[in-house]
Amino acid sequence: MTVPTVFVVDDEDGFRGSLSRLFRSAGLAVSDFASAEEFLAAFDPDTPGCLVLDLAMPEVNGIELQRVLHEELDCEIPIIFLTGHAEVPDGVAALKEGALDFLTKPVEPDVLLGAVRLALERDAECRKERDVLRMLRQLYETLTPREREVMAHVVTGQLSKQIARDLGTAEKTIRIHRGQVMKKMQADSVATLVRMADKLGI
């Protein structure tokens, strides 16, 4: 598995270096960049981790980078913004755009490390959820159109005879379709199938 990485983007060389040393001393993998452009040129969205991002940078600032990640790359990497006191309103705006946290400089090392560990945990949870959803979609794609119809009825709590009446077919045929749905979706119970359908938006 790829080791989670703390990505640091800050145009102040000294501050960026101190952050990198802090994270490495805590046993974390770090990759740092002096600008949003450098980061985007090297970043792979499939790499797990989080982003510690300076809000005020020349050319492409932190909020602009956040929007590129979300809107153009469809990337949900957790972001912790670092701001100066005068930039607090911008930090609030960043939270509204989906940032995990924003901290004002100078930041206490323990506070920053705590925020980073939380961000890495959040990223791992989100990636796991996306993997589960990807697998469910793949399983759902194996269903025939009729099996999908039956599944949609099953997850509402309908019995086979009710589904047969609604779909205008024999109850025995519906039972066969139900069995195929459960098998193909790898669901061990109707309750499990209902949870799957909920994740799929059915």
C-alpha atoms as a PDB file:
ATOM      1  CA  MET A   1       0.000   0.000   0.000  1.00  0.00           C
ATOM      2  CA  THR A   2       1.085   3.561  -0.694  1.00  0.00           C
ATOM      3  CA  VAL A   3       2.237   5.366   2.437  1.00  0.00           C
ATOM      4  CA  PRO A   4       0.001   8.359   3.289  1.00  0.00           C
ATOM      5  CA  THR A   5       1.812  11.624   2.571  1.00  0.00           C
ATOM      6  CA  VAL A   6       1.522  15.050   4.151  1.00  0.00           C
ATOM      7  CA  PHE A   7       1.745  17.529   1.267  1.00  0.00           C
ATOM      8  CA  VAL A   8       2.988  20.949   2.350  1.00  0.00           C
ATOM      9  CA  VAL A   9       2.459  23.921   0.028  1.00  0.00           C
ATOM     10  CA  ASP A  10       3.881  27.239   1.271  1.00  0.00           C
ATOM     11  CA  ASP A  11       5.923  29.892  -0.527  1.00  0.00           C
ATOM     12  CA  GLU A  12       8.007  30.755   2.592  1.00  0.00           C
ATOM     13  CA  ASP A  13      11.063  28.504   2.372  1.00  0.00           C
ATOM     14  CA  GLY A  14      11.969  28.664   6.064  1.00  0.00           C
ATOM     15  CA  PHE A  15       8.452  28.014   7.310  1.00  0.00           C
ATOM     16  CA  ARG A  16       7.892  25.232   4.783  1.00  0.00           C
ATOM     17  CA  GLY A  17      11.132  23.599   5.880  1.00  0.00           C
ATOM     18  CA  SER A  18      10.196  23.763   9.559  1.00  0.00           C
ATOM     19  CA  LEU A  19       6.825  22.162   8.839  1.00  0.00           C
ATOM     20  CA  SER A  20       8.476  19.362   6.892  1.00  0.00           C
ATOM     21  CA  ARG A  21      10.921  18.681   9.744  1.00  0.00           C
ATOM     22  CA  LEU A  22       8.057  18.654  12.251  1.00  0.00           C
ATOM     23  CA  PHE A  23       6.080  16.085  10.288  1.00  0.00           C
ATOM     24  CA  ARG A  24       9.118  13.891   9.619  1.00  0.00           C
ATOM     25  CA  SER A  25      10.027  13.946  13.310  1.00  0.00           C
ATOM     26  CA  ALA A  26       6.542  12.571  13.983  1.00  0.00           C
ATOM     27  CA  GLY A  27       7.191   9.682  11.594  1.00  0.00           C
ATOM     28  CA  LEU A  28       5.094  11.020   8.730  1.00  0.00           C
ATOM     29  CA  ALA A  29       5.981  10.980   5.044  1.00  0.00           C
ATOM     30  CA  VAL A  30       6.259  14.520   3.677  1.00  0.00           C
ATOM     31  CA  SER A  31       6.412  16.137   0.258  1.00  0.00           C
ATOM     32  CA  ASP A  32       6.738  19.930   0.120  1.00  0.00           C
ATOM     33  CA  PHE A  33       6.249  22.521  -2.610  1.00  0.00           C
ATOM     34  CA  ALA A  34       6.898  26.260  -2.913  1.00  0.00           C
ATOM     35  CA  SER A  35       3.812  26.962  -5.025  1.00  0.00           C
ATOM     36  CA  ALA A  36       0.447  25.609  -6.063  1.00  0.00           C
ATOM     37  CA  GLU A  37       1.773  25.142  -9.591  1.00  0.00           C
ATOM     38  CA  GLU A  38       4.645  22.935  -8.394  1.00  0.00           C
ATOM     39  CA  PHE A  39       2.252  20.875  -6.328  1.00  0.00           C
ATOM     40  CA  LEU A  40      -0.222  20.350  -9.179  1.00  0.00           C
ATOM     41  CA  ALA A  41       2.572  19.325 -11.549  1.00  0.00           C
ATOM     42  CA  ALA A  42       3.662  16.527  -9.211  1.00  0.00           C
ATOM     43  CA  PHE A  43       0.452  15.512  -7.447  1.00  0.00           C
ATOM     44  CA  ASP A  44      -1.256  12.157  -8.042  1.00  0.00           C
ATOM     45  CA  PRO A  45      -4.839  12.176  -6.658  1.00  0.00           C
ATOM     46  CA  ASP A  46      -4.581   8.425  -6.050  1.00  0.00           C
ATOM     47  CA  THR A  47      -1.907   9.030  -3.409  1.00  0.00           C
ATOM     48  CA  PRO A  48      -3.439   8.930   0.074  1.00  0.00           C
ATOM     49  CA  GLY A  49      -2.669  11.798   2.437  1.00  0.00           C
ATOM     50  CA  CYS A  50      -3.617  15.346   3.312  1.00  0.00           C
ATOM     51  CA  LEU A  51      -2.656  18.855   2.255  1.00  0.00           C
ATOM     52  CA  VAL A  52      -1.247  21.527   4.573  1.00  0.00           C
ATOM     53  CA  LEU A  53      -1.787  24.641   2.525  1.00  0.00           C
ATOM     54  CA  ASP A  54      -0.804  28.286   2.926  1.00  0.00           C
ATOM     55  CA  LEU A  55      -3.782  30.495   2.191  1.00  0.00           C
ATOM     56  CA  ALA A  56      -1.943  33.573   0.878  1.00  0.00           C
ATOM     57  CA  MET A  57       0.461  32.745  -1.948  1.00  0.00           C
ATOM     58  CA  PRO A  58       1.416  34.674  -5.092  1.00  0.00           C
ATOM     59  CA  GLU A  59      -0.230  33.781  -8.401  1.00  0.00           C
ATOM     60  CA  VAL A  60      -2.385  30.772  -7.407  1.00  0.00           C
ATOM     61  CA  ASN A  61      -3.488  31.168  -3.778  1.00  0.00           C
ATOM     62  CA  GLY A  62      -4.724  28.465  -1.427  1.00  0.00           C
ATOM     63  CA  ILE A  63      -8.438  28.843  -2.098  1.00  0.00           C
ATOM     64  CA  GLU A  64      -7.835  28.809  -5.854  1.00  0.00           C
ATOM     65  CA  LEU A  65      -5.829  25.589  -5.496  1.00  0.00           C
ATOM     66  CA  GLN A  66      -8.631  24.120  -3.393  1.00  0.00           C
ATOM     67  CA  ARG A  67     -11.129  24.870  -6.170  1.00  0.00           C
ATOM     68  CA  VAL A  68      -8.885  23.339  -8.838  1.00  0.00           C
ATOM     69  CA  LEU A  69      -8.609  20.148  -6.772  1.00  0.00           C
ATOM     70  CA  HIS A  70     -12.351  19.923  -6.180  1.00  0.00           C
ATOM     71  CA  GLU A  71     -13.800  21.156  -9.452  1.00  0.00           C
ATOM     72  CA  GLU A  72     -11.217  20.169 -12.071  1.00  0.00           C
ATOM     73  CA  LEU A  73      -9.580  17.083 -10.551  1.00  0.00           C
ATOM     74  CA  ASP A  74     -12.572  15.865  -8.508  1.00  0.00           C
ATOM     75  CA  CYS A  75     -10.122  15.300  -5.667  1.00  0.00           C
ATOM     76  CA  GLU A  76     -11.333  15.200  -2.066  1.00  0.00           C
ATOM     77  CA  ILE A  77      -7.965  15.279  -0.290  1.00  0.00           C
ATOM     78  CA  PRO A  78      -8.444  16.777   3.217  1.00  0.00           C
ATOM     79  CA  ILE A  79      -7.025  20.303   3.397  1.00  0.00           C
ATOM     80  CA  ILE A  80      -5.704  22.139   6.450  1.00  0.00           C
ATOM     81  CA  PHE A  81      -5.214  25.825   5.722  1.00  0.00           C
ATOM     82  CA  LEU A  82      -2.587  27.940   7.473  1.00  0.00           C
ATOM     83  CA  THR A  83      -3.413  31.643   7.582  1.00  0.00           C
ATOM     84  CA  GLY A  84      -2.184  34.903   9.028  1.00  0.00           C
ATOM     85  CA  HIS A  85      -4.492  36.624  11.517  1.00  0.00           C
ATOM     86  CA  ALA A  86      -5.588  39.152   8.887  1.00  0.00           C
ATOM     87  CA  GLU A  87      -6.768  36.310   6.643  1.00  0.00           C
ATOM     88  CA  VAL A  88      -9.198  34.686   9.092  1.00  0.00           C
ATOM     89  CA  PRO A  89     -12.313  35.640   7.026  1.00  0.00           C
ATOM     90  CA  ASP A  90     -10.701  33.912   4.040  1.00  0.00           C
ATOM     91  CA  GLY A  91     -10.073  30.881   6.240  1.00  0.00           C
ATOM     92  CA  VAL A  92     -13.775  30.742   7.085  1.00  0.00           C
ATOM     93  CA  ALA A  93     -14.537  30.890   3.368  1.00  0.00           C
ATOM     94  CA  ALA A  94     -12.154  27.964   2.841  1.00  0.00           C
ATOM     95  CA  LEU A  95     -14.061  25.911   5.408  1.00  0.00           C
ATOM     96  CA  LYS A  96     -17.277  26.602   3.538  1.00  0.00           C
ATOM     97  CA  GLU A  97     -15.568  25.308   0.392  1.00  0.00           C
ATOM     98  CA  GLY A  98     -14.871  22.027   2.190  1.00  0.00           C
ATOM     99  CA  ALA A  99     -11.544  22.490   3.984  1.00  0.00           C
ATOM    100  CA  LEU A 100     -11.115  20.274   7.042  1.00  0.00           C
ATOM    101  CA  ASP A 101      -9.573  22.997   9.226  1.00  0.00           C
ATOM    102  CA  PHE A 102      -7.744  26.295   9.220  1.00  0.00           C
ATOM    103  CA  LEU A 103      -5.123  27.355  11.723  1.00  0.00           C
ATOM    104  CA  THR A 104      -3.554  30.750  12.236  1.00  0.00           C
ATOM    105  CA  LYS A 105       0.193  31.273  12.143  1.00  0.00           C
ATOM    106  CA  PRO A 106       2.217  30.771  14.246  1.00  0.00           C
ATOM    107  CA  VAL A 107       0.635  27.414  14.969  1.00  0.00           C
ATOM    108  CA  GLU A 108       1.392  25.184  17.952  1.00  0.00           C
ATOM    109  CA  PRO A 109       3.160  21.996  16.763  1.00  0.00           C
ATOM    110  CA  ASP A 110       0.895  19.701  18.796  1.00  0.00           C
ATOM    111  CA  VAL A 111      -2.222  21.384  17.410  1.00  0.00           C
ATOM    112  CA  LEU A 112      -0.984  21.053  13.844  1.00  0.00           C
ATOM    113  CA  LEU A 113       0.066  17.423  14.293  1.00  0.00           C
ATOM    114  CA  GLY A 114      -3.332  16.626  15.789  1.00  0.00           C
ATOM    115  CA  ALA A 115      -5.090  18.230  12.833  1.00  0.00           C
ATOM    116  CA  VAL A 116      -2.882  16.337  10.371  1.00  0.00           C
ATOM    117  CA  ARG A 117      -3.499  12.978  12.039  1.00  0.00           C
ATOM    118  CA  LEU A 118      -7.235  13.635  11.963  1.00  0.00           C
ATOM    119  CA  ALA A 119      -6.984  14.570   8.273  1.00  0.00           C
ATOM    120  CA  LEU A 120      -5.097  11.362   7.460  1.00  0.00           C
ATOM    121  CA  GLU A 121      -7.737   9.313   9.280  1.00  0.00           C
ATOM    122  CA  ARG A 122     -10.488  11.119   7.384  1.00  0.00           C
ATOM    123  CA  ASP A 123      -8.743  10.479   4.074  1.00  0.00           C
ATOM    124  CA  ALA A 124      -8.379   6.756   4.842  1.00  0.00           C
ATOM    125  CA  GLU A 125     -12.080   6.498   5.735  1.00  0.00           C
ATOM    126  CA  CYS A 126     -13.171   8.334   2.584  1.00  0.00           C
ATOM    127  CA  ARG A 127     -10.974   6.180   0.358  1.00  0.00           C
ATOM    128  CA  LYS A 128     -12.387   3.044   1.948  1.00  0.00           C
ATOM    129  CA  GLU A 129     -15.937   4.278   1.327  1.00  0.00           C
ATOM    130  CA  ARG A 130     -15.106   5.108  -2.295  1.00  0.00           C
ATOM    131  CA  ASP A 131     -13.607   1.632  -2.777  1.00  0.00           C
ATOM    132  CA  VAL A 132     -16.772   0.027  -1.389  1.00  0.00           C
ATOM    133  CA  LEU A 133     -18.970   2.154  -3.659  1.00  0.00           C
ATOM    134  CA  ARG A 134     -16.804   1.293  -6.680  1.00  0.00           C
ATOM    135  CA  MET A 135     -17.179  -2.413  -5.911  1.00  0.00           C
ATOM    136  CA  LEU A 136     -20.958  -2.100  -5.457  1.00  0.00           C
ATOM    137  CA  ARG A 137     -21.277  -0.324  -8.798  1.00  0.00           C
ATOM    138  CA  GLN A 138     -19.304  -3.110 -10.472  1.00  0.00           C
ATOM    139  CA  LEU A 139     -21.592  -5.731  -8.919  1.00  0.00           C
ATOM    140  CA  TYR A 140     -24.708  -3.759  -9.897  1.00  0.00           C
ATOM    141  CA  GLU A 141     -23.500  -3.611 -13.506  1.00  0.00           C
ATOM    142  CA  THR A 142     -23.696  -7.436 -13.639  1.00  0.00           C
ATOM    143  CA  LEU A 143     -27.473  -7.378 -13.067  1.00  0.00           C
ATOM    144  CA  THR A 144     -29.841  -7.668 -16.007  1.00  0.00           C
ATOM    145  CA  PRO A 145     -32.427  -4.896 -16.524  1.00  0.00           C
ATOM    146  CA  ARG A 146     -35.134  -7.169 -15.065  1.00  0.00           C
ATOM    147  CA  GLU A 147     -32.970  -8.041 -12.047  1.00  0.00           C
ATOM    148  CA  ARG A 148     -32.467  -4.337 -11.407  1.00  0.00           C
ATOM    149  CA  GLU A 149     -36.227  -3.836 -11.484  1.00  0.00           C
ATOM    150  CA  VAL A 150     -36.690  -6.669  -9.006  1.00  0.00           C
ATOM    151  CA  MET A 151     -33.955  -5.321  -6.748  1.00  0.00           C
ATOM    152  CA  ALA A 152     -35.605  -1.898  -6.684  1.00  0.00           C
ATOM    153  CA  HIS A 153     -38.817  -3.547  -5.472  1.00  0.00           C
ATOM    154  CA  VAL A 154     -37.116  -5.896  -2.986  1.00  0.00           C
ATOM    155  CA  VAL A 155     -35.355  -3.072  -1.150  1.00  0.00           C
ATOM    156  CA  THR A 156     -38.708  -1.361  -0.509  1.00  0.00           C
ATOM    157  CA  GLY A 157     -39.772  -4.411   1.511  1.00  0.00           C
ATOM    158  CA  GLN A 158     -42.123  -5.962  -1.032  1.00  0.00           C
ATOM    159  CA  LEU A 159     -42.775  -9.703  -1.028  1.00  0.00           C
ATOM    160  CA  SER A 160     -42.237 -11.782  -4.161  1.00  0.00           C
ATOM    161  CA  LYS A 161     -45.971 -12.070  -4.828  1.00  0.00           C
ATOM    162  CA  GLN A 162     -46.340  -8.280  -4.617  1.00  0.00           C
ATOM    163  CA  ILE A 163     -43.436  -7.758  -7.013  1.00  0.00           C
ATOM    164  CA  ALA A 164     -44.876 -10.358  -9.386  1.00  0.00           C
ATOM    165  CA  ARG A 165     -48.174  -8.506  -9.430  1.00  0.00           C
ATOM    166  CA  ASP A 166     -46.506  -5.135 -10.028  1.00  0.00           C
ATOM    167  CA  LEU A 167     -44.291  -6.466 -12.817  1.00  0.00           C
ATOM    168  CA  GLY A 168     -46.961  -8.675 -14.362  1.00  0.00           C
ATOM    169  CA  THR A 169     -45.095 -11.960 -14.097  1.00  0.00           C
ATOM    170  CA  ALA A 170     -45.159 -15.206 -12.131  1.00  0.00           C
ATOM    171  CA  GLU A 171     -44.141 -15.309  -8.457  1.00  0.00           C
ATOM    172  CA  LYS A 172     -41.831 -18.239  -9.226  1.00  0.00           C
ATOM    173  CA  THR A 173     -40.003 -16.116 -11.804  1.00  0.00           C
ATOM    174  CA  ILE A 174     -39.578 -13.291  -9.284  1.00  0.00           C
ATOM    175  CA  ARG A 175     -38.100 -15.732  -6.752  1.00  0.00           C
ATOM    176  CA  ILE A 176     -35.519 -16.774  -9.328  1.00  0.00           C
ATOM    177  CA  HIS A 177     -34.662 -13.136 -10.071  1.00  0.00           C
ATOM    178  CA  ARG A 178     -34.410 -12.384  -6.328  1.00  0.00           C
ATOM    179  CA  GLY A 179     -31.985 -15.268  -5.911  1.00  0.00           C
ATOM    180  CA  GLN A 180     -29.856 -14.007  -8.773  1.00  0.00           C
ATOM    181  CA  VAL A 181     -29.857 -10.483  -7.359  1.00  0.00           C
ATOM    182  CA  MET A 182     -28.718 -11.691  -3.936  1.00  0.00           C
ATOM    183  CA  LYS A 183     -26.022 -13.872  -5.489  1.00  0.00           C
ATOM    184  CA  LYS A 184     -24.657 -11.286  -7.917  1.00  0.00           C
ATOM    185  CA  MET A 185     -24.683  -8.478  -5.332  1.00  0.00           C
ATOM    186  CA  GLN A 186     -23.060 -10.843  -2.788  1.00  0.00           C
ATOM    187  CA  ALA A 187     -25.723  -9.874  -0.254  1.00  0.00           C
ATOM    188  CA  ASP A 188     -26.296 -12.286   2.636  1.00  0.00           C
ATOM    189  CA  SER A 189     -29.653 -10.780   3.598  1.00  0.00           C
ATOM    190  CA  VAL A 190     -32.300  -8.335   2.408  1.00  0.00           C
ATOM    191  CA  ALA A 191     -31.071  -5.882   5.065  1.00  0.00           C
ATOM    192  CA  THR A 192     -27.606  -5.991   3.491  1.00  0.00           C
ATOM    193  CA  LEU A 193     -29.133  -5.462   0.047  1.00  0.00           C
ATOM    194  CA  VAL A 194     -31.050  -2.438   1.373  1.00  0.00           C
ATOM    195  CA  ARG A 195     -27.808  -0.889   2.675  1.00  0.00           C
ATOM    196  CA  MET A 196     -26.162  -1.541  -0.687  1.00  0.00           C
ATOM    197  CA  ALA A 197     -29.053   0.088  -2.524  1.00  0.00           C
ATOM    198  CA  ASP A 198     -28.837   3.100  -0.227  1.00  0.00           C
ATOM    199  CA  LYS A 199     -25.150   3.562  -1.046  1.00  0.00           C
ATOM    200  CA  LEU A 200     -25.955   3.229  -4.746  1.00  0.00           C
ATOM    201  CA  GLY A 201     -28.763   5.749  -4.515  1.00  0.00           C
ATOM    202  CA  ILE A 202     -31.432   3.247  -5.568  1.00  0.00           C
END
